[in-house]
Amino acid sequence: VLELGCGTGQLTYLIAEMGAHVFAIDISQEAINVARIRLHHYGREDAVSFEVMTVESLHYPEAMFDVVVGEYILHHVEVDLSAAQISRVLKPGGQAIFFEWLRWGPFDSLRSQKLIRKLFPPGPGDVTDDERKIDSRDMDILHSRFSEVSVTRFWTLARLRYFWPRLYTWFVRVDHWSYRYAPFLRRWGGAGIITLVKRPVA
């Protein structure tokens, strides 16, 4: 498994715990140092190979990985260059799975208004300078690179935690309930799981 943007290793540990060998990359040496300590603490350091690397320029051979994963990473990178690299290093039939922030016009337009940003300023770590939500243009790029692309949205009401953070847990519970009885509400979700499949060899 190749993990993109491993950060301090929370997901890295979970993947290693499931029995995979993980190649984990990040642009931050400091984050990788913390991740190494985490994996050592849990006795999984032998299951992980860490390296400082960018997603846009992966230094791995073609068709090396069964799975590529990432959490909150695609909206930080150049999607066209990254998609090409991810497709290159995946084996035919391999999958890439990402947890991402997804654009939904009405909410994002409201959030971008100066008055709203003044009344509800982003909290520490909420937004970084290089990020933007995955939008239709990004999805078009992914469709051009992979034979199958699917998105499962969630965080419909939960995204309102931006305005009322104390109600976050309640919003999440309502989302789970509503998806069961009104699944169409997912289309308005602000986050999602993006699954990409590389075309198998005929």
N, C-alpha and C. Protein backbone atom coordinates (compact mmCIF):
# COMPACT_ATOMS: atom_id res chain seq x y z
N VAL A 1 0.85 -1.19 0.00
CA VAL A 1 0.00 0.00 0.00
C VAL A 1 0.89 1.24 0.00
N LEU A 2 0.54 2.20 -0.86
CA LEU A 2 1.21 3.50 -0.84
C LEU A 2 0.28 4.50 -0.17
N GLU A 3 0.76 5.15 0.89
CA GLU A 3 -0.02 6.19 1.55
C GLU A 3 0.55 7.55 1.20
N LEU A 4 -0.28 8.41 0.66
CA LEU A 4 0.14 9.76 0.28
C LEU A 4 -0.21 10.73 1.40
N GLY A 5 0.77 11.56 1.78
CA GLY A 5 0.51 12.53 2.84
C GLY A 5 0.26 11.86 4.17
N CYS A 6 1.19 11.06 4.62
CA CYS A 6 0.98 10.24 5.82
C CYS A 6 0.91 11.06 7.10
N GLY A 7 1.44 12.29 7.08
CA GLY A 7 1.41 13.10 8.30
C GLY A 7 2.11 12.41 9.44
N THR A 8 1.47 12.39 10.60
CA THR A 8 2.10 11.81 11.80
C THR A 8 1.76 10.34 12.01
N GLY A 9 1.14 9.72 11.00
CA GLY A 9 1.07 8.26 10.99
C GLY A 9 -0.15 7.59 11.57
N GLN A 10 -1.24 8.33 11.82
CA GLN A 10 -2.42 7.67 12.38
C GLN A 10 -2.97 6.61 11.43
N LEU A 11 -3.21 7.00 10.16
CA LEU A 11 -3.72 6.04 9.19
C LEU A 11 -2.66 5.00 8.85
N THR A 12 -1.41 5.41 8.81
CA THR A 12 -0.31 4.49 8.53
C THR A 12 -0.34 3.30 9.47
N TYR A 13 -0.51 3.59 10.76
CA TYR A 13 -0.56 2.52 11.76
C TYR A 13 -1.73 1.59 11.51
N LEU A 14 -2.90 2.14 11.21
CA LEU A 14 -4.08 1.30 11.01
C LEU A 14 -3.90 0.37 9.81
N ILE A 15 -3.29 0.87 8.74
CA ILE A 15 -3.08 0.03 7.55
C ILE A 15 -2.07 -1.07 7.87
N ALA A 16 -0.99 -0.71 8.56
CA ALA A 16 0.01 -1.70 8.94
C ALA A 16 -0.59 -2.75 9.87
N GLU A 17 -1.46 -2.33 10.75
CA GLU A 17 -2.10 -3.24 11.71
C GLU A 17 -2.98 -4.26 10.98
N MET A 18 -3.47 -3.89 9.80
CA MET A 18 -4.30 -4.82 9.01
C MET A 18 -3.45 -5.82 8.22
N GLY A 19 -2.13 -5.69 8.29
CA GLY A 19 -1.27 -6.69 7.68
C GLY A 19 -0.57 -6.26 6.41
N ALA A 20 -0.76 -5.03 5.99
CA ALA A 20 -0.12 -4.56 4.75
C ALA A 20 1.27 -4.03 5.03
N HIS A 21 2.12 -4.07 4.00
CA HIS A 21 3.36 -3.31 4.07
C HIS A 21 3.08 -1.95 3.45
N VAL A 22 3.43 -0.89 4.17
CA VAL A 22 3.05 0.46 3.78
C VAL A 22 4.29 1.25 3.36
N PHE A 23 4.21 1.88 2.20
CA PHE A 23 5.18 2.88 1.79
C PHE A 23 4.49 4.22 2.03
N ALA A 24 4.97 4.98 3.00
CA ALA A 24 4.28 6.20 3.43
C ALA A 24 5.14 7.41 3.10
N ILE A 25 4.54 8.39 2.40
CA ILE A 25 5.29 9.58 2.03
C ILE A 25 4.62 10.83 2.57
N ASP A 26 5.42 11.87 2.75
CA ASP A 26 4.92 13.18 3.16
C ASP A 26 5.98 14.21 2.78
N ILE A 27 5.57 15.47 2.67
CA ILE A 27 6.55 16.51 2.35
C ILE A 27 7.25 17.03 3.61
N SER A 28 6.78 16.62 4.78
CA SER A 28 7.33 17.12 6.04
C SER A 28 8.18 16.05 6.74
N GLN A 29 9.47 16.32 6.87
CA GLN A 29 10.33 15.41 7.60
C GLN A 29 9.94 15.35 9.07
N GLU A 30 9.51 16.48 9.61
CA GLU A 30 9.10 16.52 11.02
C GLU A 30 7.92 15.60 11.27
N ALA A 31 6.93 15.62 10.37
CA ALA A 31 5.77 14.74 10.52
C ALA A 31 6.19 13.28 10.43
N ILE A 32 7.07 12.98 9.50
CA ILE A 32 7.54 11.60 9.36
C ILE A 32 8.29 11.14 10.61
N ASN A 33 9.06 12.04 11.22
CA ASN A 33 9.76 11.68 12.46
C ASN A 33 8.77 11.26 13.54
N VAL A 34 7.66 12.01 13.64
CA VAL A 34 6.62 11.66 14.62
C VAL A 34 5.98 10.32 14.25
N ALA A 35 5.73 10.11 12.95
CA ALA A 35 5.12 8.86 12.50
C ALA A 35 6.02 7.67 12.82
N ARG A 36 7.32 7.84 12.66
CA ARG A 36 8.25 6.75 12.98
C ARG A 36 8.15 6.39 14.46
N ILE A 37 8.07 7.40 15.31
CA ILE A 37 7.95 7.16 16.75
C ILE A 37 6.65 6.41 17.06
N ARG A 38 5.56 6.84 16.39
CA ARG A 38 4.27 6.18 16.59
C ARG A 38 4.33 4.70 16.22
N LEU A 39 4.88 4.42 15.03
CA LEU A 39 4.94 3.03 14.57
C LEU A 39 5.87 2.19 15.44
N HIS A 40 6.96 2.80 15.92
CA HIS A 40 7.86 2.09 16.84
C HIS A 40 7.15 1.77 18.14
N HIS A 41 6.40 2.72 18.65
CA HIS A 41 5.66 2.53 19.91
C HIS A 41 4.73 1.32 19.82
N TYR A 42 4.07 1.16 18.67
CA TYR A 42 3.12 0.07 18.50
C TYR A 42 3.75 -1.19 17.89
N GLY A 43 5.07 -1.18 17.72
CA GLY A 43 5.75 -2.36 17.23
C GLY A 43 5.50 -2.68 15.77
N ARG A 44 5.22 -1.66 14.96
CA ARG A 44 4.92 -1.88 13.55
C ARG A 44 5.92 -1.19 12.63
N GLU A 45 7.07 -0.76 13.16
CA GLU A 45 8.01 -0.01 12.33
C GLU A 45 8.55 -0.83 11.17
N ASP A 46 8.63 -2.18 11.32
CA ASP A 46 9.15 -3.02 10.24
C ASP A 46 8.17 -3.14 9.08
N ALA A 47 6.92 -2.73 9.28
CA ALA A 47 5.90 -2.85 8.24
C ALA A 47 5.76 -1.59 7.40
N VAL A 48 6.58 -0.58 7.71
CA VAL A 48 6.41 0.72 7.05
C VAL A 48 7.75 1.24 6.55
N SER A 49 7.75 1.77 5.33
CA SER A 49 8.90 2.47 4.77
C SER A 49 8.50 3.93 4.56
N PHE A 50 9.15 4.84 5.27
CA PHE A 50 8.84 6.26 5.17
C PHE A 50 9.81 6.96 4.22
N GLU A 51 9.30 7.99 3.54
CA GLU A 51 10.18 8.79 2.68
C GLU A 51 9.56 10.17 2.46
N VAL A 52 10.41 11.19 2.44
CA VAL A 52 9.97 12.53 2.09
C VAL A 52 9.85 12.60 0.57
N MET A 53 8.64 12.96 0.08
CA MET A 53 8.39 12.92 -1.36
C MET A 53 7.11 13.69 -1.66
N THR A 54 7.02 14.23 -2.86
CA THR A 54 5.79 14.89 -3.28
C THR A 54 4.93 13.93 -4.08
N VAL A 55 3.61 14.14 -4.04
CA VAL A 55 2.70 13.28 -4.79
C VAL A 55 2.89 13.49 -6.29
N GLU A 56 3.22 14.71 -6.69
CA GLU A 56 3.36 15.02 -8.11
C GLU A 56 4.59 14.38 -8.75
N SER A 57 5.51 13.87 -7.93
CA SER A 57 6.75 13.30 -8.46
C SER A 57 7.12 12.05 -7.65
N LEU A 58 6.37 10.99 -7.82
CA LEU A 58 6.63 9.75 -7.08
C LEU A 58 7.83 9.03 -7.68
N HIS A 59 8.71 8.54 -6.81
CA HIS A 59 9.95 7.91 -7.26
C HIS A 59 9.86 6.40 -7.26
N TYR A 60 8.68 5.85 -7.49
CA TYR A 60 8.50 4.40 -7.44
C TYR A 60 8.32 3.85 -8.86
N PRO A 61 8.64 2.56 -9.04
CA PRO A 61 8.48 1.96 -10.38
C PRO A 61 7.00 1.88 -10.78
N GLU A 62 6.78 1.69 -12.07
CA GLU A 62 5.41 1.51 -12.57
C GLU A 62 4.80 0.23 -12.00
N ALA A 63 3.49 0.29 -11.76
CA ALA A 63 2.70 -0.88 -11.35
C ALA A 63 3.27 -1.57 -10.11
N MET A 64 3.68 -0.79 -9.13
CA MET A 64 4.28 -1.34 -7.91
C MET A 64 3.24 -1.65 -6.83
N PHE A 65 2.14 -0.89 -6.79
CA PHE A 65 1.25 -0.96 -5.64
C PHE A 65 -0.12 -1.55 -5.98
N ASP A 66 -0.64 -2.31 -5.02
CA ASP A 66 -2.01 -2.83 -5.12
C ASP A 66 -3.03 -1.74 -4.79
N VAL A 67 -2.68 -0.90 -3.82
CA VAL A 67 -3.61 0.11 -3.32
C VAL A 67 -2.83 1.40 -3.05
N VAL A 68 -3.46 2.54 -3.35
CA VAL A 68 -2.95 3.85 -2.95
C VAL A 68 -4.04 4.51 -2.10
N VAL A 69 -3.64 5.10 -0.98
CA VAL A 69 -4.62 5.74 -0.10
C VAL A 69 -4.14 7.13 0.29
N GLY A 70 -5.08 7.95 0.72
CA GLY A 70 -4.73 9.27 1.22
C GLY A 70 -5.90 9.88 1.96
N GLU A 71 -5.60 10.64 2.98
CA GLU A 71 -6.61 11.31 3.78
C GLU A 71 -6.36 12.81 3.74
N TYR A 72 -7.31 13.57 3.18
CA TYR A 72 -7.18 15.02 3.07
C TYR A 72 -5.89 15.41 2.32
N ILE A 73 -5.61 14.77 1.19
CA ILE A 73 -4.37 15.08 0.48
C ILE A 73 -4.62 15.64 -0.92
N LEU A 74 -5.61 15.13 -1.65
CA LEU A 74 -5.79 15.57 -3.04
C LEU A 74 -6.07 17.06 -3.15
N HIS A 75 -6.75 17.63 -2.15
CA HIS A 75 -7.07 19.06 -2.25
C HIS A 75 -5.88 19.95 -1.90
N HIS A 76 -4.73 19.34 -1.62
CA HIS A 76 -3.49 20.10 -1.39
C HIS A 76 -2.54 20.04 -2.58
N VAL A 77 -2.80 19.18 -3.55
CA VAL A 77 -1.82 18.91 -4.61
C VAL A 77 -2.36 19.30 -5.98
N GLU A 78 -1.48 19.26 -6.99
CA GLU A 78 -1.89 19.44 -8.38
C GLU A 78 -2.54 18.14 -8.84
N VAL A 79 -3.84 18.15 -9.02
CA VAL A 79 -4.58 16.91 -9.25
C VAL A 79 -4.17 16.25 -10.57
N ASP A 80 -3.94 17.03 -11.61
CA ASP A 80 -3.60 16.42 -12.90
C ASP A 80 -2.27 15.67 -12.83
N LEU A 81 -1.25 16.31 -12.28
CA LEU A 81 0.06 15.65 -12.15
C LEU A 81 -0.01 14.47 -11.20
N SER A 82 -0.73 14.64 -10.11
CA SER A 82 -0.83 13.58 -9.10
C SER A 82 -1.59 12.38 -9.63
N ALA A 83 -2.69 12.62 -10.36
CA ALA A 83 -3.47 11.52 -10.92
C ALA A 83 -2.62 10.69 -11.88
N ALA A 84 -1.79 11.36 -12.67
CA ALA A 84 -0.92 10.64 -13.60
C ALA A 84 0.07 9.75 -12.85
N GLN A 85 0.62 10.27 -11.77
CA GLN A 85 1.58 9.50 -10.99
C GLN A 85 0.91 8.33 -10.26
N ILE A 86 -0.27 8.59 -9.71
CA ILE A 86 -0.98 7.53 -9.00
C ILE A 86 -1.33 6.39 -9.96
N SER A 87 -1.82 6.74 -11.14
CA SER A 87 -2.14 5.71 -12.14
C SER A 87 -0.89 4.94 -12.55
N ARG A 88 0.21 5.63 -12.68
CA ARG A 88 1.46 4.98 -13.11
C ARG A 88 1.93 3.94 -12.12
N VAL A 89 1.86 4.24 -10.82
CA VAL A 89 2.42 3.32 -9.82
C VAL A 89 1.44 2.23 -9.39
N LEU A 90 0.15 2.38 -9.75
CA LEU A 90 -0.83 1.33 -9.44
C LEU A 90 -0.70 0.15 -10.39
N LYS A 91 -0.92 -1.04 -9.85
CA LYS A 91 -1.01 -2.21 -10.70
C LYS A 91 -2.33 -2.18 -11.49
N PRO A 92 -2.39 -2.78 -12.66
CA PRO A 92 -3.67 -2.88 -13.36
C PRO A 92 -4.72 -3.54 -12.47
N GLY A 93 -5.89 -2.93 -12.38
CA GLY A 93 -6.93 -3.41 -11.48
C GLY A 93 -6.81 -2.90 -10.07
N GLY A 94 -5.73 -2.17 -9.78
CA GLY A 94 -5.52 -1.62 -8.44
C GLY A 94 -6.47 -0.47 -8.15
N GLN A 95 -6.62 -0.16 -6.86
CA GLN A 95 -7.52 0.89 -6.43
C GLN A 95 -6.77 1.99 -5.69
N ALA A 96 -7.26 3.21 -5.86
CA ALA A 96 -6.80 4.34 -5.06
C ALA A 96 -8.02 4.88 -4.31
N ILE A 97 -7.88 5.08 -3.01
CA ILE A 97 -9.01 5.46 -2.17
C ILE A 97 -8.62 6.70 -1.36
N PHE A 98 -9.46 7.74 -1.45
CA PHE A 98 -9.15 9.01 -0.80
C PHE A 98 -10.35 9.53 -0.02
N PHE A 99 -10.06 10.05 1.16
CA PHE A 99 -11.05 10.78 1.95
C PHE A 99 -10.77 12.25 1.71
N GLU A 100 -11.77 12.98 1.16
CA GLU A 100 -11.51 14.34 0.70
C GLU A 100 -12.64 15.31 1.03
N TRP A 101 -12.29 16.59 1.06
CA TRP A 101 -13.28 17.65 1.09
C TRP A 101 -13.79 17.89 -0.33
N LEU A 102 -15.10 17.97 -0.47
CA LEU A 102 -15.73 18.10 -1.79
C LEU A 102 -16.53 19.40 -1.85
N ARG A 103 -16.44 20.05 -2.99
CA ARG A 103 -17.15 21.32 -3.15
C ARG A 103 -18.63 21.08 -3.37
N TRP A 104 -19.45 21.88 -2.68
CA TRP A 104 -20.88 21.95 -2.94
C TRP A 104 -21.23 23.43 -2.99
N GLY A 105 -21.55 23.89 -4.18
CA GLY A 105 -21.66 25.31 -4.48
C GLY A 105 -22.37 26.18 -3.48
N PRO A 106 -23.66 25.89 -3.13
CA PRO A 106 -24.39 26.80 -2.23
C PRO A 106 -23.70 27.04 -0.89
N PHE A 107 -23.22 25.97 -0.26
CA PHE A 107 -22.58 26.14 1.05
C PHE A 107 -21.26 26.87 0.91
N ASP A 108 -20.45 26.49 -0.08
CA ASP A 108 -19.13 27.10 -0.21
C ASP A 108 -19.22 28.56 -0.62
N SER A 109 -20.25 28.90 -1.40
CA SER A 109 -20.45 30.30 -1.75
C SER A 109 -20.84 31.11 -0.52
N LEU A 110 -21.69 30.53 0.32
CA LEU A 110 -22.09 31.20 1.56
C LEU A 110 -20.88 31.39 2.48
N ARG A 111 -20.10 30.33 2.61
CA ARG A 111 -18.95 30.38 3.52
C ARG A 111 -17.91 31.40 3.08
N SER A 112 -17.83 31.65 1.77
CA SER A 112 -16.81 32.56 1.26
C SER A 112 -17.19 34.03 1.40
N GLN A 113 -18.42 34.32 1.77
CA GLN A 113 -18.85 35.71 1.91
C GLN A 113 -18.07 36.40 3.04
N LYS A 114 -17.68 37.65 2.81
CA LYS A 114 -16.86 38.37 3.79
C LYS A 114 -17.55 38.47 5.15
N LEU A 115 -18.86 38.74 5.14
CA LEU A 115 -19.57 38.88 6.40
C LEU A 115 -19.57 37.57 7.18
N ILE A 116 -19.80 36.45 6.47
CA ILE A 116 -19.81 35.14 7.13
C ILE A 116 -18.44 34.82 7.70
N ARG A 117 -17.39 35.11 6.93
CA ARG A 117 -16.04 34.82 7.42
C ARG A 117 -15.68 35.69 8.61
N LYS A 118 -16.25 36.89 8.64
CA LYS A 118 -16.00 37.76 9.79
C LYS A 118 -16.74 37.28 11.03
N LEU A 119 -18.00 36.85 10.83
CA LEU A 119 -18.80 36.37 11.96
C LEU A 119 -18.33 35.00 12.45
N PHE A 120 -17.87 34.15 11.51
CA PHE A 120 -17.46 32.79 11.84
C PHE A 120 -16.08 32.54 11.25
N PRO A 121 -15.03 33.12 11.84
CA PRO A 121 -13.67 32.93 11.29
C PRO A 121 -13.23 31.48 11.42
N PRO A 122 -12.43 31.00 10.45
CA PRO A 122 -11.91 29.63 10.54
C PRO A 122 -11.10 29.44 11.81
N GLY A 123 -11.22 28.25 12.39
CA GLY A 123 -10.43 27.93 13.57
C GLY A 123 -9.01 27.58 13.20
N PRO A 124 -8.11 27.46 14.18
CA PRO A 124 -6.72 27.10 13.90
C PRO A 124 -6.64 25.75 13.18
N GLY A 125 -5.95 25.74 12.06
CA GLY A 125 -5.79 24.49 11.32
C GLY A 125 -6.94 24.15 10.40
N ASP A 126 -8.01 24.96 10.39
CA ASP A 126 -9.16 24.64 9.54
C ASP A 126 -8.83 24.77 8.07
N VAL A 127 -8.07 25.78 7.70
CA VAL A 127 -7.76 26.04 6.30
C VAL A 127 -6.29 26.41 6.17
N THR A 128 -5.62 25.83 5.18
CA THR A 128 -4.25 26.21 4.90
C THR A 128 -4.21 26.93 3.55
N ASP A 129 -3.10 27.63 3.30
CA ASP A 129 -3.02 28.51 2.13
C ASP A 129 -3.13 27.77 0.80
N ASP A 130 -2.69 26.50 0.75
CA ASP A 130 -2.61 25.81 -0.53
C ASP A 130 -3.81 24.92 -0.84
N GLU A 131 -4.79 24.85 0.04
CA GLU A 131 -5.86 23.91 -0.18
C GLU A 131 -7.09 24.54 -0.83
N ARG A 132 -7.84 23.69 -1.52
CA ARG A 132 -9.15 24.04 -2.06
C ARG A 132 -9.90 22.74 -2.18
N LYS A 133 -11.22 22.80 -2.19
CA LYS A 133 -12.02 21.59 -2.22
C LYS A 133 -12.02 20.96 -3.62
N ILE A 134 -12.16 19.64 -3.64
CA ILE A 134 -12.24 18.93 -4.91
C ILE A 134 -13.53 19.33 -5.61
N ASP A 135 -13.41 19.75 -6.88
CA ASP A 135 -14.58 20.21 -7.62
C ASP A 135 -14.76 19.40 -8.91
N SER A 136 -15.70 19.83 -9.75
CA SER A 136 -16.02 19.07 -10.96
C SER A 136 -14.84 19.00 -11.93
N ARG A 137 -14.01 20.03 -11.96
CA ARG A 137 -12.84 19.98 -12.85
C ARG A 137 -11.85 18.91 -12.40
N ASP A 138 -11.66 18.80 -11.10
CA ASP A 138 -10.79 17.74 -10.58
C ASP A 138 -11.36 16.37 -10.90
N MET A 139 -12.68 16.23 -10.76
CA MET A 139 -13.30 14.94 -11.04
C MET A 139 -13.16 14.57 -12.51
N ASP A 140 -13.23 15.55 -13.39
CA ASP A 140 -13.04 15.29 -14.82
C ASP A 140 -11.63 14.75 -15.08
N ILE A 141 -10.65 15.30 -14.38
CA ILE A 141 -9.27 14.81 -14.53
C ILE A 141 -9.17 13.37 -14.07
N LEU A 142 -9.78 13.05 -12.93
CA LEU A 142 -9.73 11.69 -12.42
C LEU A 142 -10.42 10.71 -13.37
N HIS A 143 -11.55 11.13 -13.95
CA HIS A 143 -12.24 10.28 -14.92
C HIS A 143 -11.38 10.02 -16.14
N SER A 144 -10.54 10.97 -16.50
CA SER A 144 -9.70 10.79 -17.68
C SER A 144 -8.54 9.83 -17.43
N ARG A 145 -8.20 9.62 -16.17
CA ARG A 145 -7.03 8.81 -15.83
C ARG A 145 -7.38 7.39 -15.36
N PHE A 146 -8.63 7.19 -14.93
CA PHE A 146 -8.99 5.91 -14.32
C PHE A 146 -10.25 5.36 -14.98
N SER A 147 -10.33 4.02 -15.04
CA SER A 147 -11.45 3.38 -15.72
C SER A 147 -12.73 3.46 -14.90
N GLU A 148 -12.60 3.55 -13.58
CA GLU A 148 -13.77 3.67 -12.72
C GLU A 148 -13.50 4.75 -11.68
N VAL A 149 -14.49 5.61 -11.47
CA VAL A 149 -14.40 6.66 -10.45
C VAL A 149 -15.74 6.70 -9.73
N SER A 150 -15.72 6.56 -8.42
CA SER A 150 -16.96 6.64 -7.65
C SER A 150 -16.75 7.55 -6.43
N VAL A 151 -17.83 8.19 -6.00
CA VAL A 151 -17.77 9.10 -4.86
C VAL A 151 -18.95 8.80 -3.94
N THR A 152 -18.66 8.61 -2.67
CA THR A 152 -19.69 8.46 -1.65
C THR A 152 -19.59 9.67 -0.73
N ARG A 153 -20.58 10.55 -0.83
CA ARG A 153 -20.57 11.78 -0.03
C ARG A 153 -21.19 11.56 1.34
N PHE A 154 -20.74 12.37 2.29
CA PHE A 154 -21.35 12.45 3.62
C PHE A 154 -21.07 13.83 4.17
N TRP A 155 -21.32 14.04 5.45
CA TRP A 155 -21.15 15.36 6.08
C TRP A 155 -22.09 16.39 5.42
N THR A 156 -23.38 16.14 5.52
CA THR A 156 -24.35 17.09 4.98
C THR A 156 -24.64 18.16 6.03
N LEU A 157 -25.26 17.79 7.13
CA LEU A 157 -25.46 18.74 8.22
C LEU A 157 -24.18 18.95 9.03
N ALA A 158 -23.35 17.93 9.08
CA ALA A 158 -22.15 18.02 9.92
C ALA A 158 -21.24 19.15 9.51
N ARG A 159 -21.30 19.58 8.25
CA ARG A 159 -20.46 20.69 7.81
C ARG A 159 -20.85 22.00 8.50
N LEU A 160 -22.04 22.04 9.09
CA LEU A 160 -22.46 23.25 9.81
C LEU A 160 -21.69 23.43 11.10
N ARG A 161 -20.85 22.47 11.45
CA ARG A 161 -20.00 22.66 12.63
C ARG A 161 -19.08 23.86 12.46
N TYR A 162 -18.91 24.29 11.20
CA TYR A 162 -18.14 25.51 10.94
C TYR A 162 -18.79 26.71 11.63
N PHE A 163 -20.13 26.70 11.70
CA PHE A 163 -20.86 27.80 12.33
C PHE A 163 -21.18 27.52 13.81
N TRP A 164 -21.48 26.25 14.12
CA TRP A 164 -21.86 25.88 15.49
C TRP A 164 -21.08 24.64 15.92
N PRO A 165 -19.81 24.80 16.26
CA PRO A 165 -18.96 23.64 16.56
C PRO A 165 -19.45 22.79 17.72
N ARG A 166 -20.16 23.38 18.67
CA ARG A 166 -20.62 22.60 19.82
C ARG A 166 -21.69 21.58 19.44
N LEU A 167 -22.33 21.79 18.27
CA LEU A 167 -23.39 20.89 17.83
C LEU A 167 -22.89 19.82 16.85
N TYR A 168 -21.58 19.73 16.69
CA TYR A 168 -21.01 18.83 15.68
C TYR A 168 -21.49 17.38 15.87
N THR A 169 -21.39 16.85 17.08
CA THR A 169 -21.77 15.46 17.32
C THR A 169 -23.24 15.22 16.98
N TRP A 170 -24.08 16.17 17.32
CA TRP A 170 -25.51 16.05 17.01
C TRP A 170 -25.73 16.06 15.51
N PHE A 171 -25.02 16.95 14.80
CA PHE A 171 -25.14 17.01 13.34
C PHE A 171 -24.75 15.68 12.70
N VAL A 172 -23.68 15.07 13.18
CA VAL A 172 -23.22 13.79 12.62
C VAL A 172 -24.28 12.71 12.83
N ARG A 173 -24.88 12.66 14.01
CA ARG A 173 -25.91 11.66 14.28
C ARG A 173 -27.11 11.84 13.37
N VAL A 174 -27.50 13.09 13.15
CA VAL A 174 -28.63 13.35 12.25
C VAL A 174 -28.28 12.94 10.83
N ASP A 175 -27.05 13.20 10.40
CA ASP A 175 -26.62 12.77 9.07
C ASP A 175 -26.76 11.26 8.92
N HIS A 176 -26.25 10.50 9.87
CA HIS A 176 -26.32 9.03 9.78
C HIS A 176 -27.76 8.56 9.69
N TRP A 177 -28.62 9.17 10.47
CA TRP A 177 -30.04 8.80 10.45
C TRP A 177 -30.67 9.16 9.10
N SER A 178 -30.38 10.37 8.61
CA SER A 178 -31.01 10.83 7.38
C SER A 178 -30.57 10.03 6.17
N TYR A 179 -29.30 9.59 6.12
CA TYR A 179 -28.83 8.82 4.98
C TYR A 179 -29.56 7.47 4.88
N ARG A 180 -29.99 6.96 6.02
CA ARG A 180 -30.71 5.69 6.01
C ARG A 180 -32.09 5.83 5.38
N TYR A 181 -32.77 6.93 5.69
CA TYR A 181 -34.15 7.10 5.25
C TYR A 181 -34.31 8.07 4.07
N ALA A 182 -33.29 8.90 3.84
CA ALA A 182 -33.34 9.84 2.72
C ALA A 182 -31.96 9.92 2.08
N PRO A 183 -31.53 8.84 1.41
CA PRO A 183 -30.16 8.77 0.89
C PRO A 183 -29.80 9.87 -0.10
N PHE A 184 -30.81 10.51 -0.72
CA PHE A 184 -30.52 11.58 -1.68
C PHE A 184 -29.82 12.76 -1.01
N LEU A 185 -29.90 12.87 0.32
CA LEU A 185 -29.24 13.97 1.03
C LEU A 185 -27.72 13.89 0.93
N ARG A 186 -27.23 12.71 0.58
CA ARG A 186 -25.77 12.57 0.46
C ARG A 186 -25.20 13.49 -0.61
N ARG A 187 -26.00 13.81 -1.64
CA ARG A 187 -25.46 14.61 -2.74
C ARG A 187 -25.02 15.99 -2.29
N TRP A 188 -25.47 16.41 -1.11
CA TRP A 188 -25.10 17.72 -0.58
C TRP A 188 -23.98 17.62 0.46
N GLY A 189 -23.39 16.45 0.59
CA GLY A 189 -22.32 16.28 1.57
C GLY A 189 -21.06 17.05 1.20
N GLY A 190 -20.35 17.51 2.22
CA GLY A 190 -19.15 18.31 2.00
C GLY A 190 -17.86 17.53 2.06
N ALA A 191 -17.95 16.22 2.33
CA ALA A 191 -16.77 15.35 2.33
C ALA A 191 -17.17 14.04 1.68
N GLY A 192 -16.19 13.24 1.35
CA GLY A 192 -16.55 11.98 0.71
C GLY A 192 -15.37 11.06 0.52
N ILE A 193 -15.69 9.82 0.17
CA ILE A 193 -14.70 8.82 -0.19
C ILE A 193 -14.66 8.73 -1.71
N ILE A 194 -13.51 9.02 -2.28
CA ILE A 194 -13.30 8.90 -3.73
C ILE A 194 -12.54 7.60 -4.00
N THR A 195 -13.13 6.73 -4.80
CA THR A 195 -12.49 5.46 -5.16
C THR A 195 -12.17 5.45 -6.64
N LEU A 196 -10.92 5.16 -6.97
CA LEU A 196 -10.44 5.14 -8.35
C LEU A 196 -9.92 3.74 -8.66
N VAL A 197 -10.24 3.25 -9.84
CA VAL A 197 -9.77 1.92 -10.27
C VAL A 197 -8.99 2.06 -11.55
N LYS A 198 -7.80 1.49 -11.58
CA LYS A 198 -7.00 1.47 -12.81
C LYS A 198 -7.47 0.31 -13.69
N ARG A 199 -7.60 0.58 -14.96
CA ARG A 199 -8.13 -0.42 -15.89
C ARG A 199 -7.28 -1.70 -15.84
N PRO A 200 -7.95 -2.85 -15.63
CA PRO A 200 -7.20 -4.12 -15.63
C PRO A 200 -6.65 -4.43 -17.02
N VAL A 201 -5.66 -5.29 -17.05
CA VAL A 201 -5.12 -5.75 -18.34
C VAL A 201 -6.14 -6.63 -19.00
N ALA A 202 -6.44 -6.39 -20.27
CA ALA A 202 -7.45 -7.18 -21.00
C ALA A 202 -6.97 -8.61 -21.18
